[in-house]
């Protein structure tokens, strides 16, 4: 079951809820309002590699987040 993120339009509280499906409604955990809005969520993963330097760092559009394809663990 996926975890969805919600925001309450009444009190502004943000919370997560384990849901059986994407259309499942959620009540606010803080104020009890029944119309919590599902937020657009992103996820992140960090890959560690023995080499901390990216061989194509100078060619990458972003020096902090990039993907050089060399297996160095950097991501775009």
PDB file of N, CA and C in Angstrom:
ATOM      1  N   UNK A   1       0.834  -1.183   0.000  1.00  0.00           N
ATOM      2  CA  UNK A   1       0.000   0.000   0.000  1.00  0.00           C
ATOM      3  C   UNK A   1       0.882   1.250   0.000  1.00  0.00           C
ATOM      4  N   UNK A   2       0.552   2.208  -0.839  1.00  0.00           N
ATOM      5  CA  UNK A   2       1.349   3.447  -0.896  1.00  0.00           C
ATOM      6  C   UNK A   2       1.003   4.403   0.245  1.00  0.00           C
ATOM      7  N   UNK A   3       1.948   5.263   0.541  1.00  0.00           N
ATOM      8  CA  UNK A   3       1.739   6.322   1.521  1.00  0.00           C
ATOM      9  C   UNK A   3       1.505   7.607   0.727  1.00  0.00           C
ATOM     10  N   UNK A   4       0.400   8.280   1.009  1.00  0.00           N
ATOM     11  CA  UNK A   4       0.071   9.533   0.344  1.00  0.00           C
ATOM     12  C   UNK A   4       0.264  10.691   1.316  1.00  0.00           C
ATOM     13  N   UNK A   5       0.634  11.843   0.774  1.00  0.00           N
ATOM     14  CA  UNK A   5       0.782  13.057   1.568  1.00  0.00           C
ATOM     15  C   UNK A   5      -0.454  13.925   1.350  1.00  0.00           C
ATOM     16  N   UNK A   6      -0.942  14.528   2.435  1.00  0.00           N
ATOM     17  CA  UNK A   6      -2.140  15.359   2.387  1.00  0.00           C
ATOM     18  C   UNK A   6      -1.885  16.698   3.045  1.00  0.00           C
ATOM     19  N   UNK A   7      -2.704  17.682   2.671  1.00  0.00           N
ATOM     20  CA  UNK A   7      -2.704  19.002   3.295  1.00  0.00           C
ATOM     21  C   UNK A   7      -4.145  19.374   3.562  1.00  0.00           C
ATOM     22  N   UNK A   8      -4.397  19.865   4.772  1.00  0.00           N
ATOM     23  CA  UNK A   8      -5.753  20.265   5.154  1.00  0.00           C
ATOM     24  C   UNK A   8      -5.984  21.714   4.739  1.00  0.00           C
ATOM     25  N   UNK A   9      -7.016  21.988   3.925  1.00  0.00           N
ATOM     26  CA  UNK A   9      -7.289  23.366   3.518  1.00  0.00           C
ATOM     27  C   UNK A   9      -7.860  24.212   4.659  1.00  0.00           C
ATOM     28  N   UNK A  10      -8.387  23.567   5.686  1.00  0.00           N
ATOM     29  CA  UNK A  10      -8.980  24.289   6.807  1.00  0.00           C
ATOM     30  C   UNK A  10      -7.924  24.806   7.784  1.00  0.00           C
ATOM     31  N   UNK A  11      -7.003  23.927   8.232  1.00  0.00           N
ATOM     32  CA  UNK A  11      -6.018  24.343   9.244  1.00  0.00           C
ATOM     33  C   UNK A  11      -4.584  24.377   8.722  1.00  0.00           C
ATOM     34  N   UNK A  12      -4.348  23.861   7.496  1.00  0.00           N
ATOM     35  CA  UNK A  12      -3.016  23.889   6.907  1.00  0.00           C
ATOM     36  C   UNK A  12      -2.093  22.755   7.334  1.00  0.00           C
ATOM     37  N   UNK A  13      -2.583  21.847   8.158  1.00  0.00           N
ATOM     38  CA  UNK A  13      -1.752  20.729   8.616  1.00  0.00           C
ATOM     39  C   UNK A  13      -1.386  19.826   7.443  1.00  0.00           C
ATOM     40  N   UNK A  14      -0.170  19.295   7.493  1.00  0.00           N
ATOM     41  CA  UNK A  14       0.283  18.343   6.483  1.00  0.00           C
ATOM     42  C   UNK A  14       0.557  17.024   7.173  1.00  0.00           C
ATOM     43  N   UNK A  15       0.129  15.927   6.547  1.00  0.00           N
ATOM     44  CA  UNK A  15       0.305  14.616   7.140  1.00  0.00           C
ATOM     45  C   UNK A  15       0.358  13.554   6.063  1.00  0.00           C
ATOM     46  N   UNK A  16       0.783  12.349   6.451  1.00  0.00           N
ATOM     47  CA  UNK A  16       0.854  11.205   5.542  1.00  0.00           C
ATOM     48  C   UNK A  16      -0.146  10.150   5.989  1.00  0.00           C
ATOM     49  N   UNK A  17      -0.639   9.377   5.025  1.00  0.00           N
ATOM     50  CA  UNK A  17      -1.586   8.318   5.349  1.00  0.00           C
ATOM     51  C   UNK A  17      -1.349   7.136   4.421  1.00  0.00           C
ATOM     52  N   UNK A  18      -1.324   5.951   4.991  1.00  0.00           N
ATOM     53  CA  UNK A  18      -1.236   4.719   4.226  1.00  0.00           C
ATOM     54  C   UNK A  18      -2.623   4.460   3.658  1.00  0.00           C
ATOM     55  N   UNK A  19      -2.734   4.311   2.339  1.00  0.00           N
ATOM     56  CA  UNK A  19      -4.042   4.160   1.705  1.00  0.00           C
ATOM     57  C   UNK A  19      -4.088   2.930   0.814  1.00  0.00           C
ATOM     58  N   UNK A  20      -5.240   2.316   0.754  1.00  0.00           N
ATOM     59  CA  UNK A  20      -5.428   1.135  -0.091  1.00  0.00           C
ATOM     60  C   UNK A  20      -5.449   1.497  -1.575  1.00  0.00           C
ATOM     61  N   UNK A  21      -5.983   2.684  -1.898  1.00  0.00           N
ATOM     62  CA  UNK A  21      -6.018   3.130  -3.291  1.00  0.00           C
ATOM     63  C   UNK A  21      -5.925   4.645  -3.350  1.00  0.00           C
ATOM     64  N   UNK A  22      -5.676   5.154  -4.547  1.00  0.00           N
ATOM     65  CA  UNK A  22      -5.446   6.599  -4.708  1.00  0.00           C
ATOM     66  C   UNK A  22      -6.698   7.442  -4.511  1.00  0.00           C
ATOM     67  N   UNK A  23      -7.881   6.856  -4.569  1.00  0.00           N
ATOM     68  CA  UNK A  23      -9.113   7.639  -4.413  1.00  0.00           C
ATOM     69  C   UNK A  23      -9.619   7.641  -2.971  1.00  0.00           C
ATOM     70  N   UNK A  24      -8.910   6.981  -2.081  1.00  0.00           N
ATOM     71  CA  UNK A  24      -9.323   6.937  -0.683  1.00  0.00           C
ATOM     72  C   UNK A  24      -9.248   8.330  -0.068  1.00  0.00           C
ATOM     73  N   UNK A  25     -10.311   8.750   0.611  1.00  0.00           N
ATOM     74  CA  UNK A  25     -10.383  10.069   1.248  1.00  0.00           C
ATOM     75  C   UNK A  25      -9.646  10.035   2.579  1.00  0.00           C
ATOM     76  N   UNK A  26      -9.162  11.204   3.003  1.00  0.00           N
ATOM     77  CA  UNK A  26      -8.448  11.301   4.268  1.00  0.00           C
ATOM     78  C   UNK A  26      -9.001  12.459   5.080  1.00  0.00           C
ATOM     79  N   UNK A  27      -9.165  12.216   6.373  1.00  0.00           N
ATOM     80  CA  UNK A  27      -9.568  13.274   7.295  1.00  0.00           C
ATOM     81  C   UNK A  27      -8.309  13.848   7.925  1.00  0.00           C
ATOM     82  N   UNK A  28      -8.332  15.145   8.198  1.00  0.00           N
ATOM     83  CA  UNK A  28      -7.185  15.811   8.810  1.00  0.00           C
ATOM     84  C   UNK A  28      -6.928  15.231  10.195  1.00  0.00           C
ATOM     85  N   UNK A  29      -5.674  14.905  10.454  1.00  0.00           N
ATOM     86  CA  UNK A  29      -5.302  14.339  11.745  1.00  0.00           C
ATOM     87  C   UNK A  29      -5.310  15.385  12.864  1.00  0.00           C
ATOM     88  N   UNK A  30      -5.249  16.671  12.496  1.00  0.00           N
ATOM     89  CA  UNK A  30      -5.189  17.737  13.499  1.00  0.00           C
ATOM     90  C   UNK A  30      -6.581  18.276  13.856  1.00  0.00           C
ATOM     91  N   UNK A  31      -7.371  18.654  12.826  1.00  0.00           N
ATOM     92  CA  UNK A  31      -8.664  19.281  13.104  1.00  0.00           C
ATOM     93  C   UNK A  31      -9.870  18.401  12.758  1.00  0.00           C
ATOM     94  N   UNK A  32      -9.634  17.279  12.058  1.00  0.00           N
ATOM     95  CA  UNK A  32     -10.730  16.363  11.735  1.00  0.00           C
ATOM     96  C   UNK A  32     -11.504  16.693  10.469  1.00  0.00           C
ATOM     97  N   UNK A  33     -11.128  17.759   9.764  1.00  0.00           N
ATOM     98  CA  UNK A  33     -11.825  18.118   8.523  1.00  0.00           C
ATOM     99  C   UNK A  33     -11.773  16.941   7.551  1.00  0.00           C
ATOM    100  N   UNK A  34     -12.859  16.701   6.845  1.00  0.00           N
ATOM    101  CA  UNK A  34     -12.973  15.527   5.966  1.00  0.00           C
ATOM    102  C   UNK A  34     -12.455  15.767   4.554  1.00  0.00           C
ATOM    103  N   UNK A  35     -12.001  16.979   4.230  1.00  0.00           N
ATOM    104  CA  UNK A  35     -11.643  17.299   2.850  1.00  0.00           C
ATOM    105  C   UNK A  35     -10.147  17.563   2.643  1.00  0.00           C
ATOM    106  N   UNK A  36      -9.293  16.772   3.263  1.00  0.00           N
ATOM    107  CA  UNK A  36      -7.853  16.949   3.075  1.00  0.00           C
ATOM    108  C   UNK A  36      -7.506  16.723   1.606  1.00  0.00           C
ATOM    109  N   UNK A  37      -6.611  17.549   1.096  1.00  0.00           N
ATOM    110  CA  UNK A  37      -6.222  17.477  -0.314  1.00  0.00           C
ATOM    111  C   UNK A  37      -4.927  16.697  -0.463  1.00  0.00           C
ATOM    112  N   UNK A  38      -4.890  15.797  -1.436  1.00  0.00           N
ATOM    113  CA  UNK A  38      -3.681  15.016  -1.687  1.00  0.00           C
ATOM    114  C   UNK A  38      -2.643  15.931  -2.319  1.00  0.00           C
ATOM    115  N   UNK A  39      -1.414  15.858  -1.806  1.00  0.00           N
ATOM    116  CA  UNK A  39      -0.318  16.656  -2.344  1.00  0.00           C
ATOM    117  C   UNK A  39       0.404  15.870  -3.430  1.00  0.00           C
ATOM    118  N   UNK A  40       1.047  16.579  -4.317  1.00  0.00           N
ATOM    119  CA  UNK A  40       1.891  15.951  -5.316  1.00  0.00           C
ATOM    120  C   UNK A  40       3.210  15.639  -4.640  1.00  0.00           C
ATOM    121  N   UNK A  41       3.538  14.369  -4.548  1.00  0.00           N
ATOM    122  CA  UNK A  41       4.726  13.945  -3.822  1.00  0.00           C
ATOM    123  C   UNK A  41       5.850  13.557  -4.767  1.00  0.00           C
ATOM    124  N   UNK A  42       7.059  13.698  -4.274  1.00  0.00           N
ATOM    125  CA  UNK A  42       8.236  13.231  -4.998  1.00  0.00           C
ATOM    126  C   UNK A  42       9.007  12.314  -4.080  1.00  0.00           C
ATOM    127  N   UNK A  43       9.891  11.557  -4.634  1.00  0.00           N
ATOM    128  CA  UNK A  43      10.727  10.713  -3.806  1.00  0.00           C
ATOM    129  C   UNK A  43      12.173  10.922  -4.183  1.00  0.00           C
ATOM    130  N   UNK A  44      13.029  10.484  -3.323  1.00  0.00           N
ATOM    131  CA  UNK A  44      14.461  10.669  -3.537  1.00  0.00           C
ATOM    132  C   UNK A  44      15.194   9.425  -3.081  1.00  0.00           C
ATOM    133  N   UNK A  45      16.276   9.139  -3.751  1.00  0.00           N
ATOM    134  CA  UNK A  45      17.135   8.025  -3.353  1.00  0.00           C
ATOM    135  C   UNK A  45      18.578   8.472  -3.488  1.00  0.00           C
ATOM    136  N   UNK A  46      19.386   8.102  -2.532  1.00  0.00           N
ATOM    137  CA  UNK A  46      20.794   8.458  -2.567  1.00  0.00           C
ATOM    138  C   UNK A  46      21.593   7.188  -2.798  1.00  0.00           C
ATOM    139  N   UNK A  47      22.420   7.202  -3.816  1.00  0.00           N
ATOM    140  CA  UNK A  47      23.239   6.057  -4.148  1.00  0.00           C
ATOM    141  C   UNK A  47      24.673   6.376  -3.758  1.00  0.00           C
ATOM    142  N   UNK A  48      25.246   5.518  -2.943  1.00  0.00           N
ATOM    143  CA  UNK A  48      26.629   5.722  -2.515  1.00  0.00           C
ATOM    144  C   UNK A  48      27.544   4.881  -3.391  1.00  0.00           C
ATOM    145  N   UNK A  49      28.683   5.408  -3.708  1.00  0.00           N
ATOM    146  CA  UNK A  49      29.648   4.717  -4.542  1.00  0.00           C
ATOM    147  C   UNK A  49      31.039   5.007  -3.992  1.00  0.00           C
ATOM    148  N   UNK A  50      31.960   4.127  -4.227  1.00  0.00           N
ATOM    149  CA  UNK A  50      33.320   4.300  -3.722  1.00  0.00           C
ATOM    150  C   UNK A  50      33.957   5.588  -4.227  1.00  0.00           C
ATOM    151  N   UNK A  51      33.686   5.959  -5.481  1.00  0.00           N
ATOM    152  CA  UNK A  51      34.248   7.174  -6.055  1.00  0.00           C
ATOM    153  C   UNK A  51      33.324   8.348  -5.748  1.00  0.00           C
ATOM    154  N   UNK A  52      33.805   9.343  -5.031  1.00  0.00           N
ATOM    155  CA  UNK A  52      32.996  10.511  -4.688  1.00  0.00           C
ATOM    156  C   UNK A  52      33.077  11.609  -5.740  1.00  0.00           C
ATOM    157  N   UNK A  53      33.979  11.493  -6.698  1.00  0.00           N
ATOM    158  CA  UNK A  53      34.107  12.544  -7.700  1.00  0.00           C
ATOM    159  C   UNK A  53      33.538  12.073  -9.029  1.00  0.00           C
ATOM    160  N   UNK A  54      32.878  12.956  -9.703  1.00  0.00           N
ATOM    161  CA  UNK A  54      32.261  12.650 -10.983  1.00  0.00           C
ATOM    162  C   UNK A  54      33.231  13.035 -12.096  1.00  0.00           C
ATOM    163  N   UNK A  55      33.568  12.103 -12.988  1.00  0.00           N
ATOM    164  CA  UNK A  55      34.516  12.409 -14.051  1.00  0.00           C
ATOM    165  C   UNK A  55      34.013  13.470 -15.029  1.00  0.00           C
ATOM    166  N   UNK A  56      32.701  13.669 -15.115  1.00  0.00           N
ATOM    167  CA  UNK A  56      32.184  14.667 -16.061  1.00  0.00           C
ATOM    168  C   UNK A  56      31.571  15.867 -15.350  1.00  0.00           C
ATOM    169  N   UNK A  57      32.015  16.158 -14.127  1.00  0.00           N
ATOM    170  CA  UNK A  57      31.452  17.269 -13.348  1.00  0.00           C
ATOM    171  C   UNK A  57      31.480  18.582 -14.126  1.00  0.00           C
ATOM    172  N   UNK A  58      32.543  18.859 -14.874  1.00  0.00           N
ATOM    173  CA  UNK A  58      32.645  20.105 -15.623  1.00  0.00           C
ATOM    174  C   UNK A  58      31.673  20.161 -16.795  1.00  0.00           C
ATOM    175  N   UNK A  59      31.203  19.014 -17.259  1.00  0.00           N
ATOM    176  CA  UNK A  59      30.271  18.971 -18.380  1.00  0.00           C
ATOM    177  C   UNK A  59      28.818  18.992 -17.925  1.00  0.00           C
ATOM    178  N   UNK A  60      28.589  18.794 -16.645  1.00  0.00           N
ATOM    179  CA  UNK A  60      27.234  18.676 -16.127  1.00  0.00           C
ATOM    180  C   UNK A  60      26.600  20.059 -15.943  1.00  0.00           C
ATOM    181  N   UNK A  61      25.296  20.211 -16.285  1.00  0.00           N
ATOM    182  CA  UNK A  61      24.626  21.500 -16.116  1.00  0.00           C
ATOM    183  C   UNK A  61      24.455  21.894 -14.657  1.00  0.00           C
ATOM    184  N   UNK A  62      24.502  20.946 -13.737  1.00  0.00           N
ATOM    185  CA  UNK A  62      24.373  21.255 -12.318  1.00  0.00           C
ATOM    186  C   UNK A  62      25.502  20.572 -11.558  1.00  0.00           C
ATOM    187  N   UNK A  63      26.305  21.342 -10.879  1.00  0.00           N
ATOM    188  CA  UNK A  63      27.461  20.774 -10.183  1.00  0.00           C
ATOM    189  C   UNK A  63      27.061  19.992  -8.939  1.00  0.00           C
ATOM    190  N   UNK A  64      25.846  20.203  -8.420  1.00  0.00           N
ATOM    191  CA  UNK A  64      25.451  19.508  -7.204  1.00  0.00           C
ATOM    192  C   UNK A  64      24.562  18.305  -7.470  1.00  0.00           C
ATOM    193  N   UNK A  65      23.788  18.311  -8.508  1.00  0.00           N
ATOM    194  CA  UNK A  65      22.908  17.191  -8.826  1.00  0.00           C
ATOM    195  C   UNK A  65      23.029  16.901 -10.311  1.00  0.00           C
ATOM    196  N   UNK A  66      23.585  15.753 -10.637  1.00  0.00           N
ATOM    197  CA  UNK A  66      23.750  15.432 -12.045  1.00  0.00           C
ATOM    198  C   UNK A  66      23.882  13.938 -12.254  1.00  0.00           C
ATOM    199  N   UNK A  67      23.871  13.547 -13.495  1.00  0.00           N
ATOM    200  CA  UNK A  67      23.998  12.138 -13.849  1.00  0.00           C
ATOM    201  C   UNK A  67      24.989  12.011 -14.980  1.00  0.00           C
ATOM    202  N   UNK A  68      26.142  11.469 -14.667  1.00  0.00           N
ATOM    203  CA  UNK A  68      27.184  11.401 -15.683  1.00  0.00           C
ATOM    204  C   UNK A  68      27.209  10.043 -16.380  1.00  0.00           C
ATOM    205  N   UNK A  69      26.485   9.055 -15.837  1.00  0.00           N
ATOM    206  CA  UNK A  69      26.460   7.743 -16.469  1.00  0.00           C
ATOM    207  C   UNK A  69      27.689   6.901 -16.212  1.00  0.00           C
ATOM    208  N   UNK A  70      28.584   7.344 -15.335  1.00  0.00           N
ATOM    209  CA  UNK A  70      29.810   6.589 -15.105  1.00  0.00           C
ATOM    210  C   UNK A  70      29.703   5.664 -13.890  1.00  0.00           C
ATOM    211  N   UNK A  71      28.569   5.671 -13.218  1.00  0.00           N
ATOM    212  CA  UNK A  71      28.418   4.840 -12.038  1.00  0.00           C
ATOM    213  C   UNK A  71      28.964   5.485 -10.777  1.00  0.00           C
ATOM    214  N   UNK A  72      29.190   6.803 -10.805  1.00  0.00           N
ATOM    215  CA  UNK A  72      29.772   7.473  -9.639  1.00  0.00           C
ATOM    216  C   UNK A  72      28.728   7.770  -8.562  1.00  0.00           C
ATOM    217  N   UNK A  73      27.460   7.523  -8.843  1.00  0.00           N
ATOM    218  CA  UNK A  73      26.419   7.746  -7.844  1.00  0.00           C
ATOM    219  C   UNK A  73      25.754   9.105  -7.928  1.00  0.00           C
ATOM    220  N   UNK A  74      26.135   9.933  -8.878  1.00  0.00           N
ATOM    221  CA  UNK A  74      25.496  11.237  -8.987  1.00  0.00           C
ATOM    222  C   UNK A  74      24.189  11.108  -9.778  1.00  0.00           C
ATOM    223  N   UNK A  75      23.268  12.007  -9.514  1.00  0.00           N
ATOM    224  CA  UNK A  75      21.952  11.950 -10.160  1.00  0.00           C
ATOM    225  C   UNK A  75      21.528  13.315 -10.640  1.00  0.00           C
ATOM    226  N   UNK A  76      20.724  13.338 -11.672  1.00  0.00           N
ATOM    227  CA  UNK A  76      20.170  14.576 -12.204  1.00  0.00           C
ATOM    228  C   UNK A  76      18.748  14.687 -11.769  1.00  0.00           C
TER     229      UNK A  76
END
